[in-house]
């Protein structure tokens, strides 16, 4: 199990993901400007290729790494005898709970190379948030989530998200609320097993 404190973001990884392609664009742009001032195929390659590759990287690269790291996390948990009673694959984090052993495993999108396997009693608080806003017929939500605090770090895991507001009695919202409530209970059971 990890003794390290939970970090949702590895800033070195984040900055490399963003700025290495920019440096590549600048470097090859300089090469194109220096050696191919008259234009031609070399200039097009030096200016266009890194730009296109960078855009492809920004769109697909971190997501591909994220998917591979989730699979690696599952293998690691299985090798360590971690019983995956409940798993939630969020867009920016994966939460896995072993209720019997009182353990929780975490993996974050912007810190994909660090799998945290922790005793669940390090979770100090867990609650559901229905995201309700507005009043009367305008009352609704665009996000439902469960939240928990572990090592002083608040983790929000969305169980329902939308770019528009949905009524609180909508089936999608109610499903999201049900999932969030269930996860709060799962975390409470794991904390109990780990011994508060």
N, C-alpha and C. Protein backbone atom coordinates (compact mmCIF):
# COMPACT_ATOMS: atom_id res chain seq x y z
N UNK A 1 0.83 -1.18 0.00
CA UNK A 1 0.00 0.00 0.00
C UNK A 1 0.88 1.24 0.00
N UNK A 2 0.34 2.30 -0.61
CA UNK A 2 1.07 3.56 -0.71
C UNK A 2 1.11 4.28 0.63
N UNK A 3 2.26 4.84 0.93
CA UNK A 3 2.38 5.73 2.08
C UNK A 3 2.33 7.18 1.62
N UNK A 4 2.48 7.40 0.31
CA UNK A 4 2.47 8.76 -0.24
C UNK A 4 1.09 9.38 -0.11
N UNK A 5 1.08 10.70 -0.01
CA UNK A 5 -0.19 11.42 -0.03
C UNK A 5 -0.72 11.44 -1.46
N UNK A 6 -2.01 11.49 -1.59
CA UNK A 6 -2.67 11.46 -2.89
C UNK A 6 -2.43 12.78 -3.62
N UNK A 7 -2.02 12.66 -4.88
CA UNK A 7 -1.88 13.83 -5.76
C UNK A 7 -2.69 13.56 -7.02
N UNK A 8 -3.66 14.42 -7.30
CA UNK A 8 -4.49 14.22 -8.48
C UNK A 8 -3.78 14.62 -9.76
N UNK A 9 -2.81 15.52 -9.66
CA UNK A 9 -2.14 16.03 -10.85
C UNK A 9 -0.63 15.91 -10.69
N UNK A 10 0.01 15.32 -11.68
CA UNK A 10 1.46 15.32 -11.79
C UNK A 10 1.80 16.47 -12.75
N UNK A 11 2.26 17.58 -12.21
CA UNK A 11 2.45 18.77 -13.02
C UNK A 11 3.54 18.62 -14.07
N UNK A 12 4.54 17.78 -13.82
CA UNK A 12 5.56 17.52 -14.83
C UNK A 12 4.92 16.84 -16.04
N UNK A 13 4.10 15.82 -15.80
CA UNK A 13 3.41 15.12 -16.88
C UNK A 13 2.47 16.07 -17.62
N UNK A 14 1.73 16.87 -16.89
CA UNK A 14 0.81 17.82 -17.51
C UNK A 14 1.55 18.80 -18.40
N UNK A 15 2.63 19.38 -17.90
CA UNK A 15 3.38 20.35 -18.69
C UNK A 15 4.06 19.71 -19.90
N UNK A 16 4.60 18.50 -19.73
CA UNK A 16 5.21 17.80 -20.86
C UNK A 16 4.16 17.51 -21.94
N UNK A 17 2.99 17.09 -21.50
CA UNK A 17 1.91 16.77 -22.45
C UNK A 17 1.54 17.99 -23.28
N UNK A 18 1.56 19.15 -22.66
CA UNK A 18 1.15 20.37 -23.36
C UNK A 18 2.31 20.99 -24.15
N UNK A 19 3.49 21.11 -23.51
CA UNK A 19 4.53 21.95 -24.09
C UNK A 19 5.53 21.23 -24.99
N UNK A 20 5.72 19.93 -24.87
CA UNK A 20 6.65 19.24 -25.77
C UNK A 20 6.21 19.40 -27.23
N UNK A 21 4.93 19.22 -27.57
CA UNK A 21 4.52 19.46 -28.95
C UNK A 21 4.74 20.91 -29.40
N UNK A 22 4.56 21.87 -28.49
CA UNK A 22 4.78 23.28 -28.84
C UNK A 22 6.25 23.53 -29.15
N UNK A 23 7.14 22.94 -28.34
CA UNK A 23 8.58 23.06 -28.59
C UNK A 23 8.92 22.42 -29.93
N UNK A 24 8.33 21.27 -30.23
CA UNK A 24 8.57 20.60 -31.51
C UNK A 24 8.12 21.47 -32.68
N UNK A 25 6.97 22.11 -32.55
CA UNK A 25 6.48 23.02 -33.60
C UNK A 25 7.47 24.17 -33.80
N UNK A 26 7.92 24.75 -32.68
CA UNK A 26 8.87 25.87 -32.77
C UNK A 26 10.20 25.45 -33.37
N UNK A 27 10.71 24.31 -32.95
CA UNK A 27 12.00 23.82 -33.44
C UNK A 27 11.96 23.52 -34.93
N UNK A 28 10.95 22.78 -35.36
CA UNK A 28 10.86 22.46 -36.79
C UNK A 28 10.47 23.69 -37.62
N UNK A 29 9.75 24.62 -37.02
CA UNK A 29 9.48 25.89 -37.70
C UNK A 29 10.75 26.66 -37.94
N UNK A 30 11.64 26.65 -36.95
CA UNK A 30 12.94 27.30 -37.11
C UNK A 30 13.77 26.62 -38.20
N UNK A 31 13.76 25.28 -38.19
CA UNK A 31 14.49 24.53 -39.24
C UNK A 31 13.92 24.87 -40.61
N UNK A 32 12.60 24.90 -40.73
CA UNK A 32 11.97 25.24 -42.00
C UNK A 32 12.30 26.64 -42.46
N UNK A 33 12.31 27.59 -41.53
CA UNK A 33 12.62 28.98 -41.87
C UNK A 33 14.09 29.13 -42.26
N UNK A 34 14.98 28.39 -41.56
CA UNK A 34 16.41 28.52 -41.81
C UNK A 34 16.84 27.85 -43.11
N UNK A 35 16.33 26.66 -43.38
CA UNK A 35 16.83 25.88 -44.51
C UNK A 35 15.92 25.88 -45.73
N UNK A 36 14.69 26.28 -45.58
CA UNK A 36 13.76 26.23 -46.71
C UNK A 36 13.06 27.58 -46.90
N UNK A 37 13.84 28.65 -46.99
CA UNK A 37 13.27 29.99 -47.11
C UNK A 37 12.48 30.18 -48.40
N UNK A 38 12.82 29.40 -49.40
CA UNK A 38 12.12 29.54 -50.68
C UNK A 38 10.84 28.72 -50.74
N UNK A 39 10.53 28.05 -49.68
CA UNK A 39 9.31 27.22 -49.64
C UNK A 39 9.59 25.82 -50.14
N UNK A 40 8.60 25.23 -50.74
CA UNK A 40 8.75 23.88 -51.26
C UNK A 40 8.29 22.83 -50.27
N UNK A 41 8.54 21.58 -50.64
CA UNK A 41 8.08 20.45 -49.84
C UNK A 41 8.70 20.44 -48.45
N UNK A 42 9.99 20.74 -48.36
CA UNK A 42 10.66 20.75 -47.06
C UNK A 42 10.02 21.73 -46.09
N UNK A 43 9.69 22.93 -46.60
CA UNK A 43 9.06 23.94 -45.74
C UNK A 43 7.67 23.48 -45.29
N UNK A 44 6.91 22.89 -46.22
CA UNK A 44 5.58 22.41 -45.88
C UNK A 44 5.67 21.34 -44.80
N UNK A 45 6.62 20.42 -44.95
CA UNK A 45 6.78 19.35 -43.96
C UNK A 45 7.18 19.93 -42.61
N UNK A 46 8.13 20.87 -42.61
CA UNK A 46 8.61 21.45 -41.35
C UNK A 46 7.54 22.24 -40.62
N UNK A 47 6.65 22.87 -41.37
CA UNK A 47 5.62 23.69 -40.72
C UNK A 47 4.33 22.92 -40.45
N UNK A 48 3.92 22.09 -41.37
CA UNK A 48 2.62 21.42 -41.24
C UNK A 48 2.67 20.13 -40.43
N UNK A 49 3.69 19.30 -40.66
CA UNK A 49 3.75 17.98 -40.01
C UNK A 49 3.72 18.09 -38.49
N UNK A 50 4.60 18.92 -37.87
CA UNK A 50 4.56 18.97 -36.41
C UNK A 50 3.26 19.55 -35.86
N UNK A 51 2.68 20.48 -36.60
CA UNK A 51 1.41 21.05 -36.15
C UNK A 51 0.32 19.99 -36.16
N UNK A 52 0.22 19.25 -37.26
CA UNK A 52 -0.80 18.19 -37.35
C UNK A 52 -0.56 17.10 -36.31
N UNK A 53 0.71 16.70 -36.15
CA UNK A 53 1.03 15.66 -35.16
C UNK A 53 0.72 16.14 -33.74
N UNK A 54 0.98 17.41 -33.48
CA UNK A 54 0.69 17.96 -32.15
C UNK A 54 -0.80 17.96 -31.86
N UNK A 55 -1.60 18.35 -32.85
CA UNK A 55 -3.05 18.35 -32.65
C UNK A 55 -3.55 16.94 -32.42
N UNK A 56 -3.05 15.98 -33.19
CA UNK A 56 -3.43 14.58 -33.00
C UNK A 56 -3.02 14.12 -31.59
N UNK A 57 -1.82 14.50 -31.16
CA UNK A 57 -1.36 14.13 -29.83
C UNK A 57 -2.27 14.71 -28.75
N UNK A 58 -2.59 16.00 -28.86
CA UNK A 58 -3.42 16.64 -27.83
C UNK A 58 -4.81 16.03 -27.77
N UNK A 59 -5.31 15.58 -28.91
CA UNK A 59 -6.65 14.98 -28.93
C UNK A 59 -6.63 13.54 -28.41
N UNK A 60 -5.66 12.75 -28.87
CA UNK A 60 -5.68 11.31 -28.59
C UNK A 60 -4.62 10.82 -27.61
N UNK A 61 -3.48 11.49 -27.52
CA UNK A 61 -2.35 10.99 -26.73
C UNK A 61 -2.65 10.75 -25.27
N UNK A 62 -3.05 11.78 -24.51
CA UNK A 62 -3.32 11.55 -23.09
C UNK A 62 -4.43 10.52 -22.84
N UNK A 63 -5.42 10.48 -23.73
CA UNK A 63 -6.51 9.52 -23.57
C UNK A 63 -6.00 8.09 -23.78
N UNK A 64 -5.11 7.89 -24.76
CA UNK A 64 -4.54 6.55 -24.97
C UNK A 64 -3.70 6.12 -23.77
N UNK A 65 -2.90 7.04 -23.24
CA UNK A 65 -2.10 6.73 -22.06
C UNK A 65 -3.02 6.37 -20.89
N UNK A 66 -4.09 7.14 -20.72
CA UNK A 66 -5.07 6.91 -19.65
C UNK A 66 -5.67 5.52 -19.74
N UNK A 67 -6.08 5.12 -20.95
CA UNK A 67 -6.67 3.79 -21.13
C UNK A 67 -5.67 2.68 -20.81
N UNK A 68 -4.43 2.84 -21.26
CA UNK A 68 -3.41 1.83 -20.99
C UNK A 68 -3.10 1.74 -19.50
N UNK A 69 -3.05 2.88 -18.82
CA UNK A 69 -2.74 2.88 -17.40
C UNK A 69 -3.88 2.27 -16.57
N UNK A 70 -5.12 2.44 -17.01
CA UNK A 70 -6.24 1.79 -16.30
C UNK A 70 -6.11 0.28 -16.38
N UNK A 71 -5.75 -0.24 -17.57
CA UNK A 71 -5.56 -1.68 -17.70
C UNK A 71 -4.40 -2.16 -16.84
N UNK A 72 -3.31 -1.38 -16.82
CA UNK A 72 -2.16 -1.75 -15.99
C UNK A 72 -2.53 -1.73 -14.51
N UNK A 73 -3.36 -0.77 -14.11
CA UNK A 73 -3.81 -0.71 -12.72
C UNK A 73 -4.59 -1.96 -12.35
N UNK A 74 -5.50 -2.38 -13.22
CA UNK A 74 -6.30 -3.57 -12.94
C UNK A 74 -5.42 -4.81 -12.80
N UNK A 75 -4.42 -4.94 -13.67
CA UNK A 75 -3.49 -6.07 -13.57
C UNK A 75 -2.74 -6.03 -12.24
N UNK A 76 -2.28 -4.83 -11.87
CA UNK A 76 -1.53 -4.67 -10.61
C UNK A 76 -2.40 -5.05 -9.41
N UNK A 77 -3.65 -4.61 -9.42
CA UNK A 77 -4.55 -4.93 -8.32
C UNK A 77 -4.80 -6.43 -8.23
N UNK A 78 -5.01 -7.06 -9.38
CA UNK A 78 -5.24 -8.51 -9.40
C UNK A 78 -4.03 -9.27 -8.88
N UNK A 79 -2.83 -8.81 -9.27
CA UNK A 79 -1.60 -9.47 -8.81
C UNK A 79 -1.44 -9.36 -7.30
N UNK A 80 -1.90 -8.26 -6.72
CA UNK A 80 -1.75 -8.04 -5.29
C UNK A 80 -2.89 -8.64 -4.47
N UNK A 81 -3.81 -9.34 -5.13
CA UNK A 81 -4.92 -9.95 -4.41
C UNK A 81 -6.01 -8.98 -3.98
N UNK A 82 -6.08 -7.86 -4.66
CA UNK A 82 -7.09 -6.84 -4.38
C UNK A 82 -8.39 -7.30 -5.01
N UNK A 83 -9.45 -7.45 -4.20
CA UNK A 83 -10.75 -7.87 -4.71
C UNK A 83 -11.50 -6.63 -5.18
N UNK A 84 -11.77 -6.57 -6.47
CA UNK A 84 -12.44 -5.39 -7.03
C UNK A 84 -13.95 -5.54 -6.85
N UNK A 85 -14.44 -5.22 -5.63
CA UNK A 85 -15.88 -5.30 -5.36
C UNK A 85 -16.66 -4.26 -6.15
N UNK A 86 -16.13 -3.05 -6.19
CA UNK A 86 -16.78 -1.96 -6.92
C UNK A 86 -15.71 -1.17 -7.67
N UNK A 87 -15.99 -0.87 -8.94
CA UNK A 87 -15.09 -0.07 -9.75
C UNK A 87 -15.91 1.01 -10.44
N UNK A 88 -15.40 2.24 -10.37
CA UNK A 88 -16.05 3.34 -11.08
C UNK A 88 -15.02 3.97 -12.01
N UNK A 89 -15.33 3.93 -13.31
CA UNK A 89 -14.46 4.52 -14.31
C UNK A 89 -14.98 5.92 -14.63
N UNK A 90 -14.44 6.93 -13.96
CA UNK A 90 -14.80 8.31 -14.25
C UNK A 90 -13.98 8.83 -15.41
N UNK A 91 -14.34 10.00 -15.90
CA UNK A 91 -13.60 10.58 -17.02
C UNK A 91 -12.22 11.06 -16.61
N UNK A 92 -12.04 11.40 -15.33
CA UNK A 92 -10.73 11.89 -14.91
C UNK A 92 -10.15 11.12 -13.72
N UNK A 93 -10.82 10.06 -13.30
CA UNK A 93 -10.28 9.20 -12.26
C UNK A 93 -10.98 7.85 -12.27
N UNK A 94 -10.25 6.86 -11.76
CA UNK A 94 -10.81 5.53 -11.57
C UNK A 94 -10.73 5.23 -10.08
N UNK A 95 -11.85 4.77 -9.52
CA UNK A 95 -11.92 4.45 -8.10
C UNK A 95 -12.31 2.98 -7.98
N UNK A 96 -11.49 2.21 -7.26
CA UNK A 96 -11.75 0.79 -7.06
C UNK A 96 -11.75 0.53 -5.55
N UNK A 97 -12.75 -0.22 -5.09
CA UNK A 97 -12.86 -0.49 -3.65
C UNK A 97 -12.86 -1.99 -3.39
N UNK A 98 -12.04 -2.39 -2.44
CA UNK A 98 -12.05 -3.75 -1.90
C UNK A 98 -12.69 -3.63 -0.52
N UNK A 99 -13.97 -3.97 -0.45
CA UNK A 99 -14.73 -3.76 0.79
C UNK A 99 -14.22 -4.69 1.89
N UNK A 100 -13.97 -5.94 1.57
CA UNK A 100 -13.59 -6.92 2.59
C UNK A 100 -12.27 -6.55 3.27
N UNK A 101 -11.28 -6.15 2.46
CA UNK A 101 -9.97 -5.80 3.02
C UNK A 101 -9.89 -4.34 3.45
N UNK A 102 -10.93 -3.55 3.14
CA UNK A 102 -10.95 -2.15 3.52
C UNK A 102 -9.91 -1.32 2.80
N UNK A 103 -9.83 -1.52 1.49
CA UNK A 103 -8.84 -0.80 0.69
C UNK A 103 -9.53 -0.02 -0.42
N UNK A 104 -8.86 1.04 -0.85
CA UNK A 104 -9.34 1.83 -1.97
C UNK A 104 -8.15 2.06 -2.90
N UNK A 105 -8.40 1.96 -4.21
CA UNK A 105 -7.37 2.21 -5.20
C UNK A 105 -7.82 3.37 -6.08
N UNK A 106 -6.89 4.25 -6.37
CA UNK A 106 -7.20 5.45 -7.15
C UNK A 106 -6.19 5.64 -8.27
N UNK A 107 -6.70 6.10 -9.40
CA UNK A 107 -5.85 6.49 -10.53
C UNK A 107 -6.46 7.74 -11.13
N UNK A 108 -5.61 8.74 -11.40
CA UNK A 108 -6.10 10.02 -11.91
C UNK A 108 -5.59 10.27 -13.33
N UNK A 109 -6.42 10.91 -14.14
CA UNK A 109 -6.10 11.19 -15.54
C UNK A 109 -4.80 11.97 -15.67
N UNK A 110 -4.60 13.00 -14.86
CA UNK A 110 -3.39 13.81 -14.97
C UNK A 110 -2.27 13.33 -14.07
N UNK A 111 -2.40 12.15 -13.50
CA UNK A 111 -1.32 11.50 -12.76
C UNK A 111 -1.41 9.99 -13.02
N UNK A 112 -1.32 9.59 -14.30
CA UNK A 112 -1.64 8.20 -14.66
C UNK A 112 -0.56 7.17 -14.30
N UNK A 113 0.62 7.63 -13.92
CA UNK A 113 1.68 6.67 -13.63
C UNK A 113 1.81 6.37 -12.15
N UNK A 114 0.88 6.87 -11.34
CA UNK A 114 0.87 6.62 -9.90
C UNK A 114 -0.47 6.01 -9.50
N UNK A 115 -0.44 4.72 -9.19
CA UNK A 115 -1.64 4.05 -8.69
C UNK A 115 -1.59 4.09 -7.16
N UNK A 116 -2.61 4.65 -6.57
CA UNK A 116 -2.68 4.74 -5.12
C UNK A 116 -3.53 3.59 -4.59
N UNK A 117 -2.94 2.77 -3.73
CA UNK A 117 -3.66 1.71 -3.04
C UNK A 117 -3.55 2.03 -1.55
N UNK A 118 -4.68 2.40 -0.97
CA UNK A 118 -4.67 2.97 0.37
C UNK A 118 -5.69 2.27 1.27
N UNK A 119 -5.45 2.28 2.58
CA UNK A 119 -6.49 1.81 3.48
C UNK A 119 -7.67 2.78 3.42
N UNK A 120 -8.85 2.26 3.38
CA UNK A 120 -10.05 3.10 3.22
C UNK A 120 -10.29 4.02 4.40
N UNK A 121 -9.67 3.73 5.55
CA UNK A 121 -9.87 4.62 6.69
C UNK A 121 -9.13 5.94 6.54
N UNK A 122 -8.37 6.10 5.46
CA UNK A 122 -7.77 7.40 5.16
C UNK A 122 -8.79 8.33 4.51
N UNK A 123 -9.95 7.80 4.15
CA UNK A 123 -11.05 8.64 3.68
C UNK A 123 -11.70 9.25 4.92
N UNK A 124 -11.65 10.56 5.02
CA UNK A 124 -12.17 11.23 6.22
C UNK A 124 -13.63 11.65 6.07
N UNK A 125 -14.11 11.75 4.84
CA UNK A 125 -15.48 12.19 4.62
C UNK A 125 -15.91 11.74 3.24
N UNK A 126 -17.18 11.35 3.11
CA UNK A 126 -17.74 10.97 1.80
C UNK A 126 -19.19 11.42 1.76
N UNK A 127 -19.61 11.98 0.63
CA UNK A 127 -20.98 12.44 0.50
C UNK A 127 -21.39 12.52 -0.97
N UNK A 128 -22.69 12.56 -1.19
CA UNK A 128 -23.24 12.69 -2.54
C UNK A 128 -23.66 14.13 -2.75
N UNK A 129 -23.53 14.60 -4.00
CA UNK A 129 -23.93 15.96 -4.36
C UNK A 129 -24.81 15.87 -5.60
N UNK A 130 -26.09 16.28 -5.44
CA UNK A 130 -26.99 16.20 -6.58
C UNK A 130 -26.88 17.41 -7.52
N UNK A 131 -26.12 18.42 -7.12
CA UNK A 131 -25.88 19.58 -7.97
C UNK A 131 -27.10 20.42 -8.25
N UNK A 132 -28.15 20.25 -7.44
CA UNK A 132 -29.41 20.96 -7.69
C UNK A 132 -29.23 22.46 -7.60
N UNK A 133 -29.85 23.17 -8.55
CA UNK A 133 -29.83 24.63 -8.57
C UNK A 133 -31.14 25.12 -9.15
N UNK A 134 -31.45 26.38 -8.85
CA UNK A 134 -32.70 26.95 -9.34
C UNK A 134 -33.84 26.65 -8.39
N UNK A 135 -35.00 27.22 -8.71
CA UNK A 135 -36.17 26.98 -7.87
C UNK A 135 -37.40 26.79 -8.74
N UNK A 136 -38.40 26.18 -8.14
CA UNK A 136 -39.65 25.94 -8.86
C UNK A 136 -39.46 25.07 -10.07
N UNK A 137 -40.10 25.45 -11.18
CA UNK A 137 -40.00 24.64 -12.40
C UNK A 137 -38.62 24.73 -13.05
N UNK A 138 -37.78 25.67 -12.61
CA UNK A 138 -36.42 25.81 -13.14
C UNK A 138 -35.40 24.96 -12.37
N UNK A 139 -35.84 24.30 -11.30
CA UNK A 139 -34.91 23.50 -10.48
C UNK A 139 -34.41 22.30 -11.29
N UNK A 140 -33.10 22.13 -11.27
CA UNK A 140 -32.53 21.02 -12.01
C UNK A 140 -31.03 20.90 -11.74
N UNK A 141 -30.39 20.06 -12.51
CA UNK A 141 -28.96 19.82 -12.33
C UNK A 141 -28.31 19.46 -13.65
N UNK A 142 -27.02 19.74 -13.74
CA UNK A 142 -26.25 19.30 -14.90
C UNK A 142 -25.11 18.38 -14.46
N UNK A 143 -25.01 18.18 -13.14
CA UNK A 143 -23.96 17.28 -12.65
C UNK A 143 -24.37 16.66 -11.32
N UNK A 144 -24.24 15.35 -11.24
CA UNK A 144 -24.43 14.61 -9.99
C UNK A 144 -23.12 13.88 -9.72
N UNK A 145 -22.68 13.86 -8.48
CA UNK A 145 -21.40 13.23 -8.19
C UNK A 145 -21.35 12.75 -6.74
N UNK A 146 -20.37 11.90 -6.48
CA UNK A 146 -20.04 11.60 -5.10
C UNK A 146 -18.65 12.14 -4.85
N UNK A 147 -18.44 12.63 -3.67
CA UNK A 147 -17.18 13.24 -3.30
C UNK A 147 -16.63 12.56 -2.05
N UNK A 148 -15.32 12.56 -1.94
CA UNK A 148 -14.71 12.09 -0.71
C UNK A 148 -13.40 12.81 -0.51
N UNK A 149 -12.99 12.88 0.74
CA UNK A 149 -11.73 13.53 1.09
C UNK A 149 -10.79 12.44 1.57
N UNK A 150 -9.63 12.36 0.94
CA UNK A 150 -8.62 11.37 1.32
C UNK A 150 -7.28 12.09 1.40
N UNK A 151 -6.61 11.96 2.50
CA UNK A 151 -5.35 12.66 2.75
C UNK A 151 -5.49 14.17 2.56
N UNK A 152 -6.66 14.69 2.89
CA UNK A 152 -6.90 16.13 2.75
C UNK A 152 -7.18 16.58 1.33
N UNK A 153 -7.25 15.65 0.38
CA UNK A 153 -7.51 15.98 -1.02
C UNK A 153 -8.96 15.61 -1.34
N UNK A 154 -9.71 16.56 -1.87
CA UNK A 154 -11.10 16.28 -2.24
C UNK A 154 -11.15 15.70 -3.65
N UNK A 155 -11.80 14.58 -3.77
CA UNK A 155 -11.96 13.90 -5.07
C UNK A 155 -13.45 13.92 -5.42
N UNK A 156 -13.76 14.45 -6.60
CA UNK A 156 -15.14 14.47 -7.08
C UNK A 156 -15.24 13.49 -8.25
N UNK A 157 -16.20 12.58 -8.15
CA UNK A 157 -16.42 11.60 -9.21
C UNK A 157 -17.84 11.78 -9.73
N UNK A 158 -17.95 12.17 -10.98
CA UNK A 158 -19.26 12.43 -11.57
C UNK A 158 -19.98 11.13 -11.92
N UNK A 159 -21.24 11.05 -11.51
CA UNK A 159 -22.07 9.90 -11.90
C UNK A 159 -23.08 10.30 -12.98
N UNK A 160 -23.23 11.60 -13.21
CA UNK A 160 -24.06 12.12 -14.29
C UNK A 160 -23.56 13.52 -14.63
N UNK A 161 -23.34 13.78 -15.92
CA UNK A 161 -22.98 15.11 -16.37
C UNK A 161 -23.70 15.41 -17.68
N UNK A 162 -23.96 16.67 -17.89
CA UNK A 162 -24.60 17.12 -19.11
C UNK A 162 -24.24 18.58 -19.34
N UNK A 163 -24.35 19.02 -20.59
CA UNK A 163 -24.10 20.43 -20.88
C UNK A 163 -25.38 21.26 -20.78
N UNK A 164 -26.45 20.63 -20.33
CA UNK A 164 -27.70 21.35 -20.11
C UNK A 164 -28.30 20.91 -18.78
N UNK A 165 -29.22 21.70 -18.27
CA UNK A 165 -29.84 21.38 -16.98
C UNK A 165 -30.99 20.40 -17.18
N UNK A 166 -31.02 19.36 -16.36
CA UNK A 166 -32.08 18.35 -16.39
C UNK A 166 -32.92 18.48 -15.12
N UNK A 167 -34.19 18.15 -15.25
CA UNK A 167 -35.07 18.18 -14.08
C UNK A 167 -34.62 17.12 -13.07
N UNK A 168 -34.87 17.42 -11.81
CA UNK A 168 -34.40 16.54 -10.75
C UNK A 168 -35.11 15.19 -10.76
N UNK A 169 -36.30 15.11 -11.34
CA UNK A 169 -37.01 13.84 -11.39
C UNK A 169 -36.79 13.08 -12.69
N UNK A 170 -35.85 13.55 -13.52
CA UNK A 170 -35.53 12.84 -14.75
C UNK A 170 -34.83 11.52 -14.42
N UNK A 171 -35.08 10.52 -15.23
CA UNK A 171 -34.53 9.18 -14.99
C UNK A 171 -33.00 9.18 -14.94
N UNK A 172 -32.36 9.95 -15.83
CA UNK A 172 -30.89 10.01 -15.87
C UNK A 172 -30.33 10.61 -14.57
N UNK A 173 -30.98 11.67 -14.11
CA UNK A 173 -30.54 12.32 -12.87
C UNK A 173 -30.76 11.38 -11.69
N UNK A 174 -31.91 10.74 -11.63
CA UNK A 174 -32.20 9.82 -10.52
C UNK A 174 -31.22 8.65 -10.50
N UNK A 175 -30.84 8.16 -11.69
CA UNK A 175 -29.83 7.09 -11.76
C UNK A 175 -28.50 7.59 -11.23
N UNK A 176 -28.12 8.81 -11.63
CA UNK A 176 -26.87 9.39 -11.13
C UNK A 176 -26.87 9.55 -9.62
N UNK A 177 -28.00 10.00 -9.07
CA UNK A 177 -28.12 10.16 -7.61
C UNK A 177 -28.03 8.80 -6.92
N UNK A 178 -28.68 7.80 -7.50
CA UNK A 178 -28.64 6.45 -6.92
C UNK A 178 -27.22 5.91 -6.91
N UNK A 179 -26.48 6.11 -8.01
CA UNK A 179 -25.08 5.65 -8.06
C UNK A 179 -24.23 6.38 -7.03
N UNK A 180 -24.43 7.69 -6.92
CA UNK A 180 -23.65 8.48 -5.96
C UNK A 180 -23.91 8.01 -4.54
N UNK A 181 -25.18 7.80 -4.20
CA UNK A 181 -25.54 7.32 -2.86
C UNK A 181 -24.94 5.94 -2.59
N UNK A 182 -25.00 5.08 -3.61
CA UNK A 182 -24.46 3.73 -3.46
C UNK A 182 -22.95 3.79 -3.20
N UNK A 183 -22.24 4.69 -3.89
CA UNK A 183 -20.80 4.79 -3.70
C UNK A 183 -20.44 5.34 -2.33
N UNK A 184 -21.24 6.24 -1.80
CA UNK A 184 -21.01 6.73 -0.44
C UNK A 184 -21.13 5.57 0.54
N UNK A 185 -22.10 4.69 0.33
CA UNK A 185 -22.28 3.51 1.19
C UNK A 185 -21.12 2.53 1.03
N UNK A 186 -20.64 2.36 -0.21
CA UNK A 186 -19.50 1.47 -0.46
C UNK A 186 -18.27 1.98 0.28
N UNK A 187 -18.02 3.28 0.19
CA UNK A 187 -16.86 3.86 0.88
C UNK A 187 -17.01 3.72 2.39
N UNK A 188 -18.23 3.90 2.90
CA UNK A 188 -18.46 3.75 4.35
C UNK A 188 -18.19 2.31 4.79
N UNK A 189 -18.63 1.32 3.98
CA UNK A 189 -18.41 -0.08 4.31
C UNK A 189 -16.91 -0.41 4.30
N UNK A 190 -16.18 0.13 3.32
CA UNK A 190 -14.73 -0.11 3.26
C UNK A 190 -14.02 0.54 4.43
N UNK A 191 -14.46 1.73 4.81
CA UNK A 191 -13.86 2.41 5.97
C UNK A 191 -14.10 1.59 7.24
N UNK A 192 -15.30 1.05 7.34
CA UNK A 192 -15.64 0.21 8.50
C UNK A 192 -14.74 -1.01 8.57
N UNK A 193 -14.53 -1.64 7.40
CA UNK A 193 -13.67 -2.83 7.35
C UNK A 193 -12.23 -2.50 7.68
N UNK A 194 -11.79 -1.30 7.29
CA UNK A 194 -10.40 -0.92 7.55
C UNK A 194 -10.21 -0.49 8.99
N UNK A 195 -11.30 -0.21 9.69
CA UNK A 195 -11.21 0.24 11.07
C UNK A 195 -10.96 1.73 11.13
N UNK A 196 -11.97 2.45 11.49
CA UNK A 196 -11.85 3.91 11.52
C UNK A 196 -10.84 4.28 12.58
